Amino acid sequence: MSDTSRTPDTRTPAQIEADIKTRRATLADTLDEIGVRVHPKTIVGDAKAKVASNIDHTLGRAYVGVNRVVGDVKGQFVTEEGAPRLGRIVPVALVAVGLVGLLVVGTQRRKG
């Protein structure tokens, strides 16, 4: 089965040479680009950029999570108007002072 629908090449030898030069230049550019893409420095740079992007994404998600927790905790001790909720703050402060006192007494007993 031969392809009879092909038209004969009517280009002049000079046109064929010009086409060959153009294709060689295009091929050289393509090979240069491939060489840059597969160069170890390029691969390492791309890997570093990907890791940095993943870290930024993870840190962003962590920041949002921590910000949400801080907001929730703050909501437990401050009203929506910004006034402190003494009924919740005082017991927590007393427990904290008690724990610090126990740690101090325990430390003094070990030294003495």
N, C-alpha and C. Protein backbone atom coordinates (compact mmCIF):
# COMPACT_ATOMS: atom_id res chain seq x y z
N MET A 1 0.83 -1.17 0.00
CA MET A 1 0.00 0.00 0.00
C MET A 1 0.88 1.24 0.00
N SER A 2 1.00 1.87 -1.08
CA SER A 2 1.78 3.09 -1.15
C SER A 2 0.85 4.29 -1.06
N ASP A 3 1.38 5.37 -0.56
CA ASP A 3 0.59 6.58 -0.38
C ASP A 3 0.69 7.39 -1.66
N THR A 4 -0.36 7.37 -2.44
CA THR A 4 -0.35 8.07 -3.73
C THR A 4 -0.86 9.50 -3.60
N SER A 5 -1.29 9.89 -2.38
CA SER A 5 -1.82 11.24 -2.20
C SER A 5 -0.71 12.26 -1.92
N ARG A 6 0.52 11.81 -1.79
CA ARG A 6 1.63 12.72 -1.53
C ARG A 6 1.97 13.50 -2.77
N THR A 7 2.22 14.77 -2.55
CA THR A 7 2.63 15.60 -3.69
C THR A 7 4.14 15.63 -3.73
N PRO A 8 4.71 15.75 -4.90
CA PRO A 8 6.17 15.77 -4.99
C PRO A 8 6.73 17.04 -4.34
N ASP A 9 7.93 16.91 -3.79
CA ASP A 9 8.58 18.04 -3.13
C ASP A 9 9.06 19.00 -4.21
N THR A 10 8.53 20.20 -4.17
CA THR A 10 8.87 21.19 -5.19
C THR A 10 9.84 22.24 -4.68
N ARG A 11 10.41 22.00 -3.51
CA ARG A 11 11.35 22.97 -2.95
C ARG A 11 12.67 22.91 -3.70
N THR A 12 13.31 24.04 -3.71
CA THR A 12 14.64 24.10 -4.33
C THR A 12 15.66 23.57 -3.32
N PRO A 13 16.83 23.20 -3.81
CA PRO A 13 17.88 22.75 -2.89
C PRO A 13 18.21 23.80 -1.82
N ALA A 14 18.16 25.05 -2.16
CA ALA A 14 18.44 26.11 -1.18
C ALA A 14 17.36 26.13 -0.10
N GLN A 15 16.09 25.92 -0.50
CA GLN A 15 15.00 25.89 0.47
C GLN A 15 15.12 24.67 1.39
N ILE A 16 15.52 23.55 0.81
CA ILE A 16 15.70 22.33 1.61
C ILE A 16 16.83 22.54 2.61
N GLU A 17 17.94 23.15 2.19
CA GLU A 17 19.05 23.44 3.09
C GLU A 17 18.61 24.39 4.20
N ALA A 18 17.82 25.39 3.86
CA ALA A 18 17.33 26.34 4.87
C ALA A 18 16.42 25.63 5.87
N ASP A 19 15.56 24.73 5.40
CA ASP A 19 14.69 23.95 6.29
C ASP A 19 15.52 23.06 7.21
N ILE A 20 16.58 22.45 6.66
CA ILE A 20 17.44 21.60 7.46
C ILE A 20 18.13 22.43 8.55
N LYS A 21 18.63 23.63 8.20
CA LYS A 21 19.28 24.50 9.18
C LYS A 21 18.29 24.90 10.28
N THR A 22 17.07 25.21 9.88
CA THR A 22 16.04 25.60 10.86
C THR A 22 15.73 24.45 11.80
N ARG A 23 15.59 23.25 11.22
CA ARG A 23 15.28 22.08 12.06
C ARG A 23 16.46 21.73 12.97
N ARG A 24 17.67 21.90 12.48
CA ARG A 24 18.84 21.64 13.32
C ARG A 24 18.87 22.63 14.50
N ALA A 25 18.58 23.89 14.23
CA ALA A 25 18.58 24.89 15.30
C ALA A 25 17.49 24.58 16.33
N THR A 26 16.31 24.20 15.83
CA THR A 26 15.22 23.84 16.73
C THR A 26 15.60 22.61 17.55
N LEU A 27 16.19 21.63 16.92
CA LEU A 27 16.62 20.41 17.62
C LEU A 27 17.70 20.74 18.64
N ALA A 28 18.63 21.62 18.29
CA ALA A 28 19.68 22.00 19.24
C ALA A 28 19.07 22.70 20.45
N ASP A 29 18.11 23.59 20.22
CA ASP A 29 17.44 24.26 21.34
C ASP A 29 16.72 23.26 22.23
N THR A 30 16.05 22.30 21.60
CA THR A 30 15.32 21.28 22.36
C THR A 30 16.28 20.44 23.19
N LEU A 31 17.40 20.05 22.59
CA LEU A 31 18.39 19.25 23.32
C LEU A 31 19.01 20.05 24.46
N ASP A 32 19.25 21.35 24.23
CA ASP A 32 19.77 22.19 25.31
C ASP A 32 18.77 22.26 26.46
N GLU A 33 17.51 22.42 26.14
CA GLU A 33 16.47 22.48 27.18
C GLU A 33 16.39 21.17 27.96
N ILE A 34 16.47 20.06 27.24
CA ILE A 34 16.45 18.75 27.90
C ILE A 34 17.68 18.62 28.80
N GLY A 35 18.83 19.07 28.31
CA GLY A 35 20.05 19.01 29.12
C GLY A 35 19.92 19.81 30.41
N VAL A 36 19.28 20.96 30.32
CA VAL A 36 19.08 21.78 31.52
C VAL A 36 18.12 21.07 32.47
N ARG A 37 17.06 20.50 31.94
CA ARG A 37 16.06 19.84 32.79
C ARG A 37 16.61 18.63 33.52
N VAL A 38 17.51 17.88 32.90
CA VAL A 38 18.02 16.66 33.52
C VAL A 38 19.36 16.89 34.24
N HIS A 39 19.84 18.12 34.25
CA HIS A 39 21.09 18.43 34.95
C HIS A 39 20.86 18.23 36.45
N PRO A 40 21.83 17.63 37.14
CA PRO A 40 21.66 17.36 38.57
C PRO A 40 21.31 18.61 39.39
N LYS A 41 21.91 19.75 39.07
CA LYS A 41 21.60 20.97 39.82
C LYS A 41 20.14 21.37 39.64
N THR A 42 19.62 21.19 38.44
CA THR A 42 18.22 21.52 38.18
C THR A 42 17.31 20.57 38.95
N ILE A 43 17.64 19.30 38.93
CA ILE A 43 16.82 18.31 39.64
C ILE A 43 16.83 18.60 41.14
N VAL A 44 18.01 18.89 41.70
CA VAL A 44 18.11 19.21 43.12
C VAL A 44 17.34 20.49 43.43
N GLY A 45 17.47 21.49 42.58
CA GLY A 45 16.75 22.74 42.79
C GLY A 45 15.24 22.54 42.77
N ASP A 46 14.77 21.73 41.81
CA ASP A 46 13.34 21.44 41.74
C ASP A 46 12.88 20.68 42.98
N ALA A 47 13.69 19.73 43.44
CA ALA A 47 13.33 18.96 44.64
C ALA A 47 13.28 19.88 45.86
N LYS A 48 14.27 20.78 45.98
CA LYS A 48 14.26 21.72 47.10
C LYS A 48 13.03 22.61 47.07
N ALA A 49 12.68 23.08 45.89
CA ALA A 49 11.51 23.95 45.76
C ALA A 49 10.24 23.20 46.15
N LYS A 50 10.15 21.93 45.76
CA LYS A 50 8.97 21.14 46.10
C LYS A 50 8.90 20.91 47.61
N VAL A 51 10.03 20.60 48.23
CA VAL A 51 10.05 20.39 49.68
C VAL A 51 9.68 21.68 50.40
N ALA A 52 10.24 22.79 49.95
CA ALA A 52 9.93 24.09 50.58
C ALA A 52 8.44 24.40 50.44
N SER A 53 7.88 24.09 49.29
CA SER A 53 6.45 24.32 49.09
C SER A 53 5.62 23.45 50.02
N ASN A 54 6.01 22.19 50.16
CA ASN A 54 5.29 21.29 51.07
C ASN A 54 5.41 21.75 52.52
N ILE A 55 6.59 22.22 52.90
CA ILE A 55 6.78 22.72 54.27
C ILE A 55 5.92 23.96 54.49
N ASP A 56 5.93 24.86 53.52
CA ASP A 56 5.09 26.07 53.65
C ASP A 56 3.63 25.69 53.80
N HIS A 57 3.19 24.72 53.02
CA HIS A 57 1.79 24.27 53.09
C HIS A 57 1.49 23.67 54.46
N THR A 58 2.40 22.83 54.95
CA THR A 58 2.22 22.19 56.25
C THR A 58 2.23 23.23 57.37
N LEU A 59 3.17 24.17 57.30
CA LEU A 59 3.23 25.21 58.32
C LEU A 59 1.97 26.08 58.29
N GLY A 60 1.48 26.34 57.10
CA GLY A 60 0.24 27.12 56.99
C GLY A 60 -0.93 26.41 57.64
N ARG A 61 -1.03 25.11 57.39
CA ARG A 61 -2.10 24.32 58.01
C ARG A 61 -1.93 24.28 59.53
N ALA A 62 -0.68 24.13 59.99
CA ALA A 62 -0.42 24.11 61.44
C ALA A 62 -0.78 25.45 62.06
N TYR A 63 -0.44 26.54 61.38
CA TYR A 63 -0.76 27.87 61.89
C TYR A 63 -2.27 28.04 62.04
N VAL A 64 -3.01 27.61 61.04
CA VAL A 64 -4.47 27.71 61.10
C VAL A 64 -5.00 26.88 62.26
N GLY A 65 -4.46 25.67 62.44
CA GLY A 65 -4.91 24.81 63.53
C GLY A 65 -4.60 25.41 64.89
N VAL A 66 -3.38 25.90 65.07
CA VAL A 66 -3.00 26.51 66.35
C VAL A 66 -3.83 27.76 66.60
N ASN A 67 -4.03 28.55 65.56
CA ASN A 67 -4.82 29.76 65.70
C ASN A 67 -6.25 29.43 66.14
N ARG A 68 -6.79 28.35 65.61
CA ARG A 68 -8.14 27.92 65.99
C ARG A 68 -8.17 27.49 67.46
N VAL A 69 -7.17 26.73 67.90
CA VAL A 69 -7.10 26.27 69.29
C VAL A 69 -6.95 27.46 70.23
N VAL A 70 -6.06 28.39 69.88
CA VAL A 70 -5.87 29.57 70.72
C VAL A 70 -7.17 30.36 70.81
N GLY A 71 -7.87 30.49 69.70
CA GLY A 71 -9.15 31.18 69.72
C GLY A 71 -10.17 30.48 70.60
N ASP A 72 -10.18 29.15 70.54
CA ASP A 72 -11.10 28.37 71.39
C ASP A 72 -10.76 28.55 72.86
N VAL A 73 -9.47 28.49 73.21
CA VAL A 73 -9.06 28.66 74.60
C VAL A 73 -9.38 30.08 75.07
N LYS A 74 -9.06 31.03 74.22
CA LYS A 74 -9.36 32.43 74.57
C LYS A 74 -10.85 32.61 74.81
N GLY A 75 -11.66 31.95 74.00
CA GLY A 75 -13.11 32.04 74.15
C GLY A 75 -13.59 31.49 75.49
N GLN A 76 -12.82 30.59 76.08
CA GLN A 76 -13.18 30.04 77.39
C GLN A 76 -12.93 31.04 78.52
N PHE A 77 -12.00 31.97 78.32
CA PHE A 77 -11.62 32.88 79.39
C PHE A 77 -11.99 34.35 79.14
N VAL A 78 -12.49 34.65 77.94
CA VAL A 78 -12.86 36.02 77.60
C VAL A 78 -14.22 35.98 76.91
N THR A 79 -15.09 36.93 77.27
CA THR A 79 -16.40 37.00 76.62
C THR A 79 -16.24 37.54 75.21
N GLU A 80 -17.31 37.49 74.45
CA GLU A 80 -17.27 38.00 73.08
C GLU A 80 -16.99 39.50 73.05
N GLU A 81 -17.35 40.19 74.13
CA GLU A 81 -17.09 41.63 74.21
C GLU A 81 -15.66 41.92 74.63
N GLY A 82 -14.91 40.91 75.05
CA GLY A 82 -13.52 41.08 75.44
C GLY A 82 -13.32 41.17 76.95
N ALA A 83 -14.39 41.04 77.71
CA ALA A 83 -14.28 41.10 79.17
C ALA A 83 -13.81 39.75 79.70
N PRO A 84 -12.93 39.75 80.72
CA PRO A 84 -12.46 38.47 81.28
C PRO A 84 -13.59 37.74 82.02
N ARG A 85 -13.59 36.43 81.92
CA ARG A 85 -14.55 35.58 82.64
C ARG A 85 -13.87 35.13 83.93
N LEU A 86 -14.04 35.92 84.97
CA LEU A 86 -13.36 35.65 86.24
C LEU A 86 -13.76 34.31 86.84
N GLY A 87 -14.99 33.88 86.59
CA GLY A 87 -15.45 32.60 87.11
C GLY A 87 -14.64 31.43 86.56
N ARG A 88 -13.99 31.62 85.42
CA ARG A 88 -13.15 30.57 84.84
C ARG A 88 -11.66 30.84 85.07
N ILE A 89 -11.30 32.10 85.11
CA ILE A 89 -9.88 32.45 85.26
C ILE A 89 -9.38 32.15 86.66
N VAL A 90 -10.14 32.51 87.68
CA VAL A 90 -9.70 32.35 89.07
C VAL A 90 -9.41 30.88 89.41
N PRO A 91 -10.30 29.94 89.10
CA PRO A 91 -9.97 28.54 89.44
C PRO A 91 -8.73 28.02 88.71
N VAL A 92 -8.56 28.39 87.46
CA VAL A 92 -7.38 27.94 86.71
C VAL A 92 -6.12 28.55 87.31
N ALA A 93 -6.18 29.82 87.68
CA ALA A 93 -5.03 30.48 88.30
C ALA A 93 -4.69 29.82 89.63
N LEU A 94 -5.70 29.48 90.43
CA LEU A 94 -5.45 28.82 91.72
C LEU A 94 -4.80 27.45 91.53
N VAL A 95 -5.27 26.70 90.55
CA VAL A 95 -4.67 25.40 90.27
C VAL A 95 -3.22 25.58 89.83
N ALA A 96 -2.95 26.56 88.99
CA ALA A 96 -1.58 26.81 88.52
C ALA A 96 -0.67 27.19 89.69
N VAL A 97 -1.16 28.07 90.57
CA VAL A 97 -0.36 28.46 91.74
C VAL A 97 -0.11 27.25 92.63
N GLY A 98 -1.11 26.41 92.81
CA GLY A 98 -0.96 25.20 93.61
C GLY A 98 0.09 24.27 93.04
N LEU A 99 0.07 24.06 91.71
CA LEU A 99 1.06 23.19 91.07
C LEU A 99 2.47 23.74 91.21
N VAL A 100 2.62 25.05 91.04
CA VAL A 100 3.94 25.66 91.20
C VAL A 100 4.40 25.49 92.65
N GLY A 101 3.49 25.68 93.60
CA GLY A 101 3.83 25.50 95.01
C GLY A 101 4.29 24.08 95.29
N LEU A 102 3.59 23.10 94.74
CA LEU A 102 3.99 21.70 94.94
C LEU A 102 5.37 21.42 94.33
N LEU A 103 5.63 21.99 93.17
CA LEU A 103 6.94 21.80 92.55
C LEU A 103 8.04 22.42 93.40
N VAL A 104 7.80 23.60 93.97
CA VAL A 104 8.80 24.26 94.81
C VAL A 104 9.06 23.45 96.06
N VAL A 105 8.00 22.97 96.70
CA VAL A 105 8.16 22.18 97.93
C VAL A 105 8.89 20.88 97.61
N GLY A 106 8.54 20.24 96.50
CA GLY A 106 9.21 19.00 96.11
C GLY A 106 10.68 19.23 95.82
N THR A 107 11.03 20.34 95.21
CA THR A 107 12.41 20.65 94.90
C THR A 107 13.20 20.93 96.17
N GLN A 108 12.57 21.64 97.12
CA GLN A 108 13.26 21.94 98.38
C GLN A 108 13.50 20.67 99.20
N ARG A 109 12.58 19.73 99.16
CA ARG A 109 12.75 18.47 99.92
C ARG A 109 13.93 17.67 99.35
N ARG A 110 14.10 17.70 98.03
CA ARG A 110 15.20 16.94 97.44
C ARG A 110 16.55 17.56 97.80
N LYS A 111 16.59 18.87 97.88
CA LYS A 111 17.85 19.55 98.21
C LYS A 111 18.19 19.41 99.69
N GLY A 112 17.16 19.35 100.55
CA GLY A 112 17.40 19.34 102.00
C GLY A 112 17.61 18.04 102.60
